[in-house]
Amino acid sequence: MKHIRIVSVLFLLVVAAGVEFAAGKLEKGDYVAVIGDSITEQRKYSVYIEDYLVMCQPAAELKQTQFGWSGETSWGFERRMQNDTLRFKPTAATTCFGMNDGGYSPMNEAKSQHYREAQTKIVEQMKQAGVRFIVVGSPGCVDVQTFHNHNREQAEMYNKTLAALRDIAREVAQTEEVAFADVFEPMHDVMEKAEEKYGKDYHVAGPDGVHPDNNGHLVMAYAFLKGLGCKGEIGTITVDLSSNMAQATEGHKVLSIQNGEVEVESSRYPFCFYGNPSKTDSTRGVLEFLPFNQDLNRLMLVVKGGGSGKVNVTWGDSTRQFEGSRLEEGINLAAEFPTNPFSRPFQRVEDEIRRKQELETPLVKQTINEIPGVDRWAPAAKDPLERAAAEGIQADKDLQQAVTVSVIPVKHTIKIDVVK
């Protein structure tokens, strides 16, 4: 444990000393490839990333395809990426390798070299293919509660390996001047804090210690969204009670205001969370240990003219009371009202995203993956497979369009009552 912390501090000192990573951000129309092993193939953090890209809209008209492959390593992906991922022509990409690369055993020089070379080759091939924005992600951690049949000693051993791989991924990103996402550190940090609150039965890296439930995948999504340069500004709604006026930033439109009741139409959604916080299949339980709302999910309400006393704010079916002075500074509606008018629309869009990503796994792993082998032993069969692959990619694009049109503007009302 101390070794992991020392390594992290050393890297922070290096960064503070002037070492910089390539800054980047998503641009209108970017097409993001989310790449990784069986953890990616779970289609959880990849869904949360796509949720954010299409609903929270850090840039307009974003699209995504996930390329998870169970049992994959960085060198395995490097050998096949020309055949599958790059034929989709992404303009941005995230990678998440290391869990299998470490061999579930202590680190050694051979592993280190193999991983470094493969990660470097992946970035180089992406650059050559015209991928504009690359985020090299680290592996996450294994769970100290559940890994290796609940063997904490084995978990701590392998987390040292994963932390070392994380450091190599960071070095590759720095050398290649691309972005980096540290998945390991926030997962490890949340795991420690969640165990203290929820007890030993609450895992963050999954019941097998490797494949997280929804809680751990939200942490992973957070790391990658930060790596993708997302800033978290969903919007600001400003209400002046004294003048009976209201205004909103881009993505939101004030339709009416009367006696402190403001009707708004929003085309940008806040990210929404679900479930019982004490359960690992919920995305709510880790929020107090993870600055997701603060860093990535700010839908702000600013109320002027409310005085210095108590003010009730009703949004959807919930009412909360705030000090007037706090409302003047602004509150984050997304954080203060976990269930809100966007909860159901958000879930409907997420259902479309899940349906799309379910197609992507067999498309990549079966149809497209068969092409090189068939070309070697039955060249005549290659053309039909190429046509099937092209049709599959088009079907994925059609489902992407279905996701886009499912993001329908939401009308919602914010009611503000000054307590007499």
Protein backbone atom coordinates (compact mmCIF):
# COMPACT_ATOMS: atom_id res chain seq x y z
CA MET A 1 0.00 0.00 0.00
CA LYS A 2 2.77 2.45 0.98
CA HIS A 3 4.67 1.61 -2.23
CA ILE A 4 1.64 2.61 -4.33
CA ARG A 5 1.27 5.92 -2.51
CA ILE A 6 4.99 6.72 -2.79
CA VAL A 7 4.99 6.13 -6.55
CA SER A 8 1.91 8.36 -6.95
CA VAL A 9 3.49 11.17 -4.93
CA LEU A 10 6.68 10.96 -6.97
CA PHE A 11 4.76 11.38 -10.20
CA LEU A 12 2.83 14.32 -8.78
CA LEU A 13 6.15 15.94 -7.93
CA VAL A 14 7.41 15.34 -11.47
CA VAL A 15 4.30 16.96 -12.94
CA ALA A 16 4.56 19.86 -10.51
CA ALA A 17 8.18 20.33 -11.57
CA GLY A 18 7.08 21.19 -15.08
CA VAL A 19 6.43 17.95 -16.97
CA GLU A 20 3.24 18.47 -18.99
CA PHE A 21 0.96 16.12 -20.85
CA ALA A 22 -0.69 16.94 -24.14
CA ALA A 23 -3.83 18.89 -23.39
CA GLY A 24 -6.75 18.19 -25.63
CA LYS A 25 -10.48 18.34 -25.87
CA LEU A 26 -13.28 16.83 -27.85
CA GLU A 27 -14.45 18.75 -30.90
CA LYS A 28 -17.77 18.86 -32.72
CA GLY A 29 -18.44 15.63 -34.59
CA ASP A 30 -15.67 13.59 -32.95
CA TYR A 31 -16.05 9.81 -33.15
CA VAL A 32 -14.62 8.12 -30.05
CA ALA A 33 -13.35 4.53 -29.92
CA VAL A 34 -13.42 3.09 -26.37
CA ILE A 35 -10.91 0.22 -26.37
CA GLY A 36 -9.98 -2.38 -23.78
CA ASP A 37 -10.26 -5.90 -22.41
CA SER A 38 -13.12 -7.82 -20.75
CA ILE A 39 -13.72 -4.93 -18.35
CA THR A 40 -14.53 -2.78 -21.38
CA GLU A 41 -16.56 -5.63 -22.85
CA GLN A 42 -18.79 -5.51 -19.76
CA ARG A 43 -20.28 -2.44 -21.47
CA LYS A 44 -20.63 -0.43 -18.28
CA TYR A 45 -18.01 2.33 -18.15
CA SER A 46 -18.22 2.50 -21.95
CA VAL A 47 -21.97 3.10 -21.62
CA TYR A 48 -21.42 5.80 -18.99
CA ILE A 49 -18.91 7.55 -21.24
CA GLU A 50 -21.34 7.45 -24.15
CA ASP A 51 -24.15 8.65 -21.86
CA TYR A 52 -22.03 11.66 -21.05
CA LEU A 53 -20.90 12.36 -24.61
CA VAL A 54 -24.37 12.37 -26.14
CA MET A 55 -26.45 13.81 -23.27
CA CYS A 56 -24.11 16.08 -21.31
CA GLN A 57 -22.59 17.19 -24.62
CA PRO A 58 -19.04 18.39 -23.91
CA ALA A 59 -19.06 19.03 -27.67
CA ALA A 60 -21.80 18.75 -30.28
CA GLU A 61 -22.62 15.67 -32.36
CA LEU A 62 -20.31 13.23 -30.58
CA LYS A 63 -20.42 9.51 -31.42
CA GLN A 64 -18.83 6.41 -29.90
CA THR A 65 -18.17 2.73 -30.49
CA GLN A 66 -16.81 0.33 -27.85
CA PHE A 67 -14.14 -2.26 -28.66
CA GLY A 68 -13.95 -4.47 -25.58
CA TRP A 69 -12.36 -7.91 -25.97
CA SER A 70 -12.25 -10.42 -23.11
CA GLY A 71 -8.78 -11.61 -22.12
CA GLU A 72 -7.08 -8.97 -24.26
CA THR A 73 -3.64 -7.48 -23.71
CA SER A 74 -2.06 -4.36 -25.17
CA TRP A 75 0.09 -6.46 -27.51
CA GLY A 76 -2.89 -8.54 -28.59
CA PHE A 77 -4.84 -5.44 -29.53
CA GLU A 78 -1.83 -3.92 -31.29
CA ARG A 79 -1.72 -6.90 -33.65
CA ARG A 80 -5.37 -6.64 -34.68
CA MET A 81 -6.22 -2.94 -34.43
CA GLN A 82 -5.72 -2.27 -38.14
CA ASN A 83 -8.33 -4.90 -38.99
CA ASP A 84 -11.05 -3.86 -36.57
CA THR A 85 -10.87 -0.55 -34.70
CA LEU A 86 -9.13 1.53 -37.35
CA ARG A 87 -11.52 0.47 -40.11
CA PHE A 88 -14.20 2.42 -38.18
CA LYS A 89 -12.10 5.59 -38.68
CA PRO A 90 -12.38 7.09 -35.20
CA THR A 91 -11.07 10.61 -34.60
CA ALA A 92 -10.54 10.05 -30.85
CA ALA A 93 -9.77 6.98 -28.76
CA THR A 94 -9.31 5.75 -25.20
CA THR A 95 -7.38 2.60 -24.31
CA CYS A 96 -7.54 0.55 -21.12
CA PHE A 97 -5.03 -2.31 -20.95
CA GLY A 98 -2.94 -3.77 -18.16
CA MET A 99 -5.18 -6.06 -16.12
CA ASN A 100 -4.22 -9.08 -18.24
CA ASP A 101 -0.81 -7.71 -19.25
CA GLY A 102 0.41 -8.04 -15.65
CA GLY A 103 -0.19 -11.79 -15.66
CA TYR A 104 -1.74 -11.66 -12.16
CA SER A 105 1.76 -11.95 -10.71
CA PRO A 106 4.57 -9.69 -9.48
CA MET A 107 6.10 -7.18 -11.86
CA ASN A 108 9.34 -7.93 -13.73
CA GLU A 109 11.43 -6.30 -16.44
CA ALA A 110 10.09 -8.48 -19.25
CA LYS A 111 6.49 -7.46 -18.52
CA SER A 112 7.51 -3.84 -18.25
CA GLN A 113 9.27 -3.83 -21.62
CA HIS A 114 6.54 -5.77 -23.42
CA TYR A 115 3.82 -3.45 -22.12
CA ARG A 116 5.76 -0.28 -22.92
CA GLU A 117 6.50 -1.39 -26.48
CA ALA A 118 2.90 -2.45 -27.18
CA GLN A 119 1.42 0.74 -25.75
CA THR A 120 3.82 2.81 -27.82
CA LYS A 121 2.99 0.92 -31.01
CA ILE A 122 -0.74 1.38 -30.38
CA VAL A 123 -0.33 5.14 -30.15
CA GLU A 124 1.91 5.24 -33.21
CA GLN A 125 -0.57 3.29 -35.34
CA MET A 126 -3.42 5.50 -34.20
CA LYS A 127 -1.50 8.64 -35.13
CA GLN A 128 -0.69 7.19 -38.55
CA ALA A 129 -4.38 6.41 -39.07
CA GLY A 130 -5.37 10.00 -38.32
CA VAL A 131 -6.76 9.58 -34.80
CA ARG A 132 -6.56 13.18 -33.58
CA PHE A 133 -7.13 12.81 -29.83
CA ILE A 134 -5.67 9.79 -28.00
CA VAL A 135 -6.09 9.01 -24.30
CA VAL A 136 -3.81 6.28 -22.96
CA GLY A 137 -5.61 4.82 -19.95
CA SER A 138 -4.05 2.90 -17.11
CA PRO A 139 -5.47 -0.36 -15.74
CA GLY A 140 -7.70 -0.07 -12.70
CA CYS A 141 -7.02 -1.89 -9.45
CA VAL A 142 -8.12 -5.27 -8.10
CA ASP A 143 -10.36 -5.41 -5.06
CA VAL A 144 -8.68 -6.10 -1.72
CA GLN A 145 -11.90 -7.74 -0.48
CA THR A 146 -12.67 -10.17 -3.28
CA PHE A 147 -9.59 -10.76 -5.45
CA HIS A 148 -8.08 -14.28 -5.56
CA ASN A 149 -10.75 -15.82 -3.33
CA HIS A 150 -10.66 -12.95 -0.82
CA ASN A 151 -6.89 -13.03 -0.43
CA ARG A 152 -5.84 -9.50 0.59
CA GLU A 153 -2.14 -10.33 0.37
CA GLN A 154 -2.51 -11.43 -3.26
CA ALA A 155 -4.58 -8.33 -4.02
CA GLU A 156 -1.95 -6.02 -2.60
CA MET A 157 0.76 -7.85 -4.55
CA TYR A 158 -1.12 -7.45 -7.83
CA ASN A 159 -2.04 -3.85 -7.16
CA LYS A 160 1.69 -3.10 -6.99
CA THR A 161 2.00 -4.64 -10.46
CA LEU A 162 -0.95 -2.64 -11.77
CA ALA A 163 0.41 0.58 -10.25
CA ALA A 164 3.72 -0.06 -12.05
CA LEU A 165 1.86 -0.60 -15.34
CA ARG A 166 -0.06 2.61 -14.67
CA ASP A 167 3.23 4.48 -14.38
CA ILE A 168 4.45 3.02 -17.68
CA ALA A 169 1.22 4.04 -19.42
CA ARG A 170 1.71 7.55 -18.07
CA GLU A 171 5.30 7.63 -19.37
CA VAL A 172 4.18 6.44 -22.82
CA ALA A 173 1.53 9.18 -22.95
CA GLN A 174 4.10 11.77 -21.94
CA THR A 175 6.68 10.57 -24.48
CA GLU A 176 4.14 10.37 -27.31
CA GLU A 177 2.57 13.71 -26.30
CA VAL A 178 -0.95 12.36 -25.94
CA ALA A 179 -3.42 12.49 -23.05
CA PHE A 180 -3.39 10.13 -20.08
CA ALA A 181 -6.16 8.78 -17.82
CA ASP A 182 -5.18 7.43 -14.42
CA VAL A 183 -7.85 4.83 -13.73
CA PHE A 184 -5.90 3.08 -10.97
CA GLU A 185 -5.61 5.90 -8.45
CA PRO A 186 -9.27 6.97 -8.17
CA MET A 187 -10.44 3.34 -8.07
CA HIS A 188 -7.97 2.48 -5.33
CA ASP A 189 -8.85 5.61 -3.38
CA VAL A 190 -12.61 5.06 -3.63
CA MET A 191 -12.16 1.39 -2.69
CA GLU A 192 -10.42 2.29 0.56
CA LYS A 193 -12.97 4.94 1.53
CA ALA A 194 -16.01 2.86 0.55
CA GLU A 195 -14.81 -0.10 2.61
CA GLU A 196 -14.60 2.15 5.66
CA LYS A 197 -18.20 3.34 5.21
CA TYR A 198 -20.02 0.33 3.76
CA GLY A 199 -18.01 -2.55 5.19
CA LYS A 200 -16.09 -5.50 3.81
CA ASP A 201 -18.95 -6.80 1.66
CA TYR A 202 -18.91 -3.65 -0.47
CA HIS A 203 -16.51 -4.24 -3.39
CA VAL A 204 -15.43 -1.61 -5.93
CA ALA A 205 -13.53 -3.87 -8.35
CA GLY A 206 -16.21 -6.53 -8.54
CA PRO A 207 -17.22 -9.81 -6.90
CA ASP A 208 -14.25 -11.54 -8.56
CA GLY A 209 -11.94 -8.67 -7.67
CA VAL A 210 -11.35 -7.78 -11.33
CA HIS A 211 -14.64 -6.96 -13.11
CA PRO A 212 -16.34 -4.03 -11.36
CA ASP A 213 -20.03 -3.59 -10.79
CA ASN A 214 -21.75 -0.32 -11.71
CA ASN A 215 -20.07 1.52 -8.83
CA GLY A 216 -16.52 0.80 -9.99
CA HIS A 217 -17.37 1.44 -13.62
CA LEU A 218 -18.59 4.93 -12.74
CA VAL A 219 -15.15 5.61 -11.27
CA MET A 220 -13.54 4.36 -14.49
CA ALA A 221 -15.82 6.57 -16.60
CA TYR A 222 -14.88 9.54 -14.43
CA ALA A 223 -11.17 8.96 -15.11
CA PHE A 224 -11.64 8.67 -18.86
CA LEU A 225 -13.99 11.65 -19.15
CA LYS A 226 -11.38 13.73 -17.33
CA GLY A 227 -8.76 12.36 -19.73
CA LEU A 228 -10.99 13.38 -22.64
CA GLY A 229 -10.84 16.96 -21.37
CA CYS A 230 -14.47 17.22 -20.24
CA LYS A 231 -14.98 20.27 -18.03
CA GLY A 232 -18.40 19.55 -16.53
CA GLU A 233 -20.24 22.75 -17.38
CA ILE A 234 -23.75 21.45 -18.09
CA GLY A 235 -25.33 24.89 -17.75
CA THR A 236 -26.40 27.72 -15.46
CA ILE A 237 -29.92 28.99 -14.81
CA THR A 238 -30.03 32.41 -13.15
CA VAL A 239 -33.21 33.69 -11.51
CA ASP A 240 -33.73 37.23 -10.19
CA LEU A 241 -36.78 37.19 -7.92
CA SER A 242 -36.81 40.96 -7.42
CA SER A 243 -37.16 41.69 -11.15
CA ASN A 244 -39.09 38.50 -12.04
CA MET A 245 -36.51 37.62 -14.69
CA ALA A 246 -34.50 34.52 -15.55
CA GLN A 247 -31.88 33.52 -18.08
CA ALA A 248 -29.97 30.38 -18.99
CA THR A 249 -26.75 29.42 -20.75
CA GLU A 250 -26.39 27.44 -23.99
CA GLY A 251 -28.35 24.20 -24.03
CA HIS A 252 -31.15 25.61 -21.85
CA LYS A 253 -33.96 28.03 -22.63
CA VAL A 254 -36.20 29.86 -20.15
CA LEU A 255 -39.79 29.55 -21.34
CA SER A 256 -41.52 31.50 -18.57
CA ILE A 257 -41.17 32.87 -15.06
CA GLN A 258 -44.01 33.79 -12.71
CA ASN A 259 -43.96 34.20 -8.92
CA GLY A 260 -40.70 32.31 -8.55
CA GLU A 261 -41.80 29.44 -10.80
CA VAL A 262 -39.45 29.03 -13.76
CA GLU A 263 -40.16 26.79 -16.73
CA VAL A 264 -37.07 25.70 -18.65
CA GLU A 265 -36.47 23.59 -21.75
CA SER A 266 -33.10 21.82 -21.78
CA SER A 267 -31.39 20.00 -24.64
CA ARG A 268 -28.32 19.27 -22.47
CA TYR A 269 -28.93 16.75 -19.71
CA PRO A 270 -27.14 16.46 -16.38
CA PHE A 271 -25.66 13.01 -15.73
CA CYS A 272 -28.09 10.95 -13.65
CA PHE A 273 -27.44 8.25 -11.04
CA TYR A 274 -29.53 5.32 -9.84
CA GLY A 275 -29.97 2.69 -7.18
CA ASN A 276 -29.54 2.06 -3.48
CA PRO A 277 -26.21 3.69 -2.47
CA SER A 278 -25.27 0.77 -0.23
CA LYS A 279 -25.41 -1.68 -3.17
CA THR A 280 -22.58 -2.18 -5.64
CA ASP A 281 -24.94 -2.17 -8.62
CA SER A 282 -25.77 1.47 -7.81
CA THR A 283 -23.86 4.44 -9.18
CA ARG A 284 -24.84 6.57 -6.16
CA GLY A 285 -22.80 4.98 -3.37
CA VAL A 286 -19.38 6.16 -4.57
CA LEU A 287 -20.37 9.77 -5.21
CA GLU A 288 -19.30 11.03 -1.79
CA PHE A 289 -15.79 9.68 -2.46
CA LEU A 290 -15.61 10.76 -6.11
CA PRO A 291 -15.89 14.38 -7.32
CA PHE A 292 -17.98 13.40 -10.34
CA ASN A 293 -20.62 16.09 -9.78
CA GLN A 294 -18.09 18.77 -8.88
CA ASP A 295 -15.76 18.07 -11.82
CA LEU A 296 -18.07 16.81 -14.55
CA ASN A 297 -21.72 17.46 -13.76
CA ARG A 298 -22.53 21.07 -12.88
CA LEU A 299 -26.06 22.23 -13.66
CA MET A 300 -26.10 25.39 -11.59
CA LEU A 301 -29.04 27.35 -10.20
CA VAL A 302 -28.30 30.93 -9.09
CA VAL A 303 -31.09 32.80 -7.27
CA LYS A 304 -30.85 36.54 -6.65
CA GLY A 305 -33.23 38.53 -4.48
CA GLY A 306 -33.99 35.64 -2.15
CA GLY A 307 -32.74 37.46 0.94
CA SER A 308 -30.56 35.97 3.67
CA GLY A 309 -33.19 33.64 5.14
CA LYS A 310 -34.46 30.20 4.15
CA VAL A 311 -35.59 29.43 0.61
CA ASN A 312 -37.35 26.29 -0.60
CA VAL A 313 -36.40 24.97 -4.03
CA THR A 314 -38.65 22.39 -5.69
CA TRP A 315 -37.39 20.52 -8.73
CA GLY A 316 -39.42 17.60 -9.98
CA ASP A 317 -40.94 15.73 -7.04
CA SER A 318 -38.37 16.90 -4.48
CA THR A 319 -38.09 20.02 -2.33
CA ARG A 320 -34.95 21.14 -0.52
CA GLN A 321 -34.31 24.15 1.69
CA PHE A 322 -31.26 26.40 1.32
CA GLU A 323 -29.92 29.60 2.76
CA GLY A 324 -30.63 32.55 0.49
CA SER A 325 -26.95 33.48 0.57
CA ARG A 326 -25.99 30.04 -0.70
CA LEU A 327 -28.47 30.26 -3.57
CA GLU A 328 -26.99 33.60 -4.51
CA GLU A 329 -23.62 31.87 -4.90
CA GLY A 330 -25.26 29.00 -6.78
CA ILE A 331 -26.16 25.38 -6.09
CA ASN A 332 -25.54 22.35 -8.29
CA LEU A 333 -28.98 20.95 -9.10
CA ALA A 334 -27.45 17.69 -10.35
CA ALA A 335 -25.80 17.08 -6.96
CA GLU A 336 -28.59 18.36 -4.72
CA PHE A 337 -31.43 16.51 -6.50
CA PRO A 338 -30.20 13.00 -7.43
CA THR A 339 -33.71 12.10 -8.63
CA ASN A 340 -34.91 14.85 -10.92
CA PRO A 341 -36.88 15.57 -14.11
CA PHE A 342 -34.05 14.18 -16.25
CA SER A 343 -33.87 10.78 -14.54
CA ARG A 344 -36.36 9.00 -16.79
CA PRO A 345 -35.31 10.65 -20.09
CA PHE A 346 -31.68 9.87 -19.23
CA GLN A 347 -32.56 6.21 -18.66
CA ARG A 348 -34.41 6.02 -21.99
CA VAL A 349 -31.40 7.30 -23.89
CA GLU A 350 -29.11 4.94 -21.97
CA ASP A 351 -31.31 2.02 -23.03
CA GLU A 352 -30.68 2.99 -26.68
CA ILE A 353 -26.95 3.19 -26.00
CA ARG A 354 -26.91 -0.26 -24.41
CA ARG A 355 -28.79 -1.68 -27.40
CA LYS A 356 -26.19 -0.21 -29.74
CA GLN A 357 -23.20 -1.44 -27.74
CA GLU A 358 -24.65 -4.94 -27.60
CA LEU A 359 -24.33 -5.04 -31.41
CA GLU A 360 -20.77 -3.78 -31.37
CA THR A 361 -19.26 -6.68 -29.43
CA PRO A 362 -20.22 -9.49 -31.86
CA LEU A 363 -19.63 -7.22 -34.85
CA VAL A 364 -15.99 -6.70 -33.86
CA LYS A 365 -15.22 -10.07 -32.26
CA GLN A 366 -16.94 -12.29 -34.79
CA THR A 367 -17.77 -10.79 -38.20
CA ILE A 368 -14.77 -8.48 -38.53
CA ASN A 369 -12.32 -10.74 -36.68
CA GLU A 370 -12.95 -13.62 -39.11
CA ILE A 371 -11.73 -11.65 -42.15
CA PRO A 372 -7.92 -12.12 -41.79
CA GLY A 373 -8.22 -15.87 -41.13
CA VAL A 374 -10.59 -16.45 -44.02
CA ASP A 375 -8.31 -14.45 -46.30
CA ARG A 376 -5.50 -16.90 -45.57
CA TRP A 377 -7.30 -20.18 -46.18
CA ALA A 378 -10.32 -19.27 -48.35
CA PRO A 379 -9.67 -16.00 -50.22
CA ALA A 380 -12.92 -16.28 -52.15
CA ALA A 381 -14.86 -16.00 -48.92
CA LYS A 382 -13.25 -12.70 -47.99
CA ASP A 383 -15.45 -10.43 -50.11
CA PRO A 384 -18.76 -11.60 -48.57
CA LEU A 385 -17.28 -11.11 -45.12
CA GLU A 386 -16.04 -7.64 -46.04
CA ARG A 387 -19.55 -6.77 -47.20
CA ALA A 388 -21.00 -8.15 -43.97
CA ALA A 389 -18.51 -6.05 -41.99
CA ALA A 390 -19.43 -2.93 -43.96
CA GLU A 391 -23.11 -3.60 -43.37
CA GLY A 392 -22.44 -4.14 -39.68
CA ILE A 393 -20.57 -0.84 -39.42
CA GLN A 394 -23.46 0.87 -41.17
CA ALA A 395 -25.90 -0.75 -38.73
CA ASP A 396 -23.80 0.63 -35.89
CA LYS A 397 -24.01 4.10 -37.45
CA ASP A 398 -27.79 3.72 -37.76
CA LEU A 399 -28.01 2.86 -34.08
CA GLN A 400 -25.79 5.84 -33.29
CA GLN A 401 -28.31 8.01 -35.08
CA ALA A 402 -31.11 6.41 -33.06
CA VAL A 403 -29.22 7.35 -29.90
CA THR A 404 -28.82 10.93 -31.10
CA VAL A 405 -32.50 11.45 -31.90
CA SER A 406 -33.52 9.92 -28.55
CA VAL A 407 -31.98 12.93 -26.76
CA ILE A 408 -35.19 14.96 -26.71
CA PRO A 409 -35.33 18.40 -25.02
CA VAL A 410 -36.77 18.13 -21.52
CA LYS A 411 -39.21 20.70 -20.13
CA HIS A 412 -38.90 21.10 -16.38
CA THR A 413 -39.99 23.53 -13.69
CA ILE A 414 -37.98 25.01 -10.84
CA LYS A 415 -40.10 26.51 -8.08
CA ILE A 416 -38.49 28.94 -5.63
CA ASP A 417 -40.31 29.92 -2.43
CA VAL A 418 -38.87 32.38 0.10
CA VAL A 419 -39.79 31.18 3.58
CA LYS A 420 -41.59 33.98 5.47
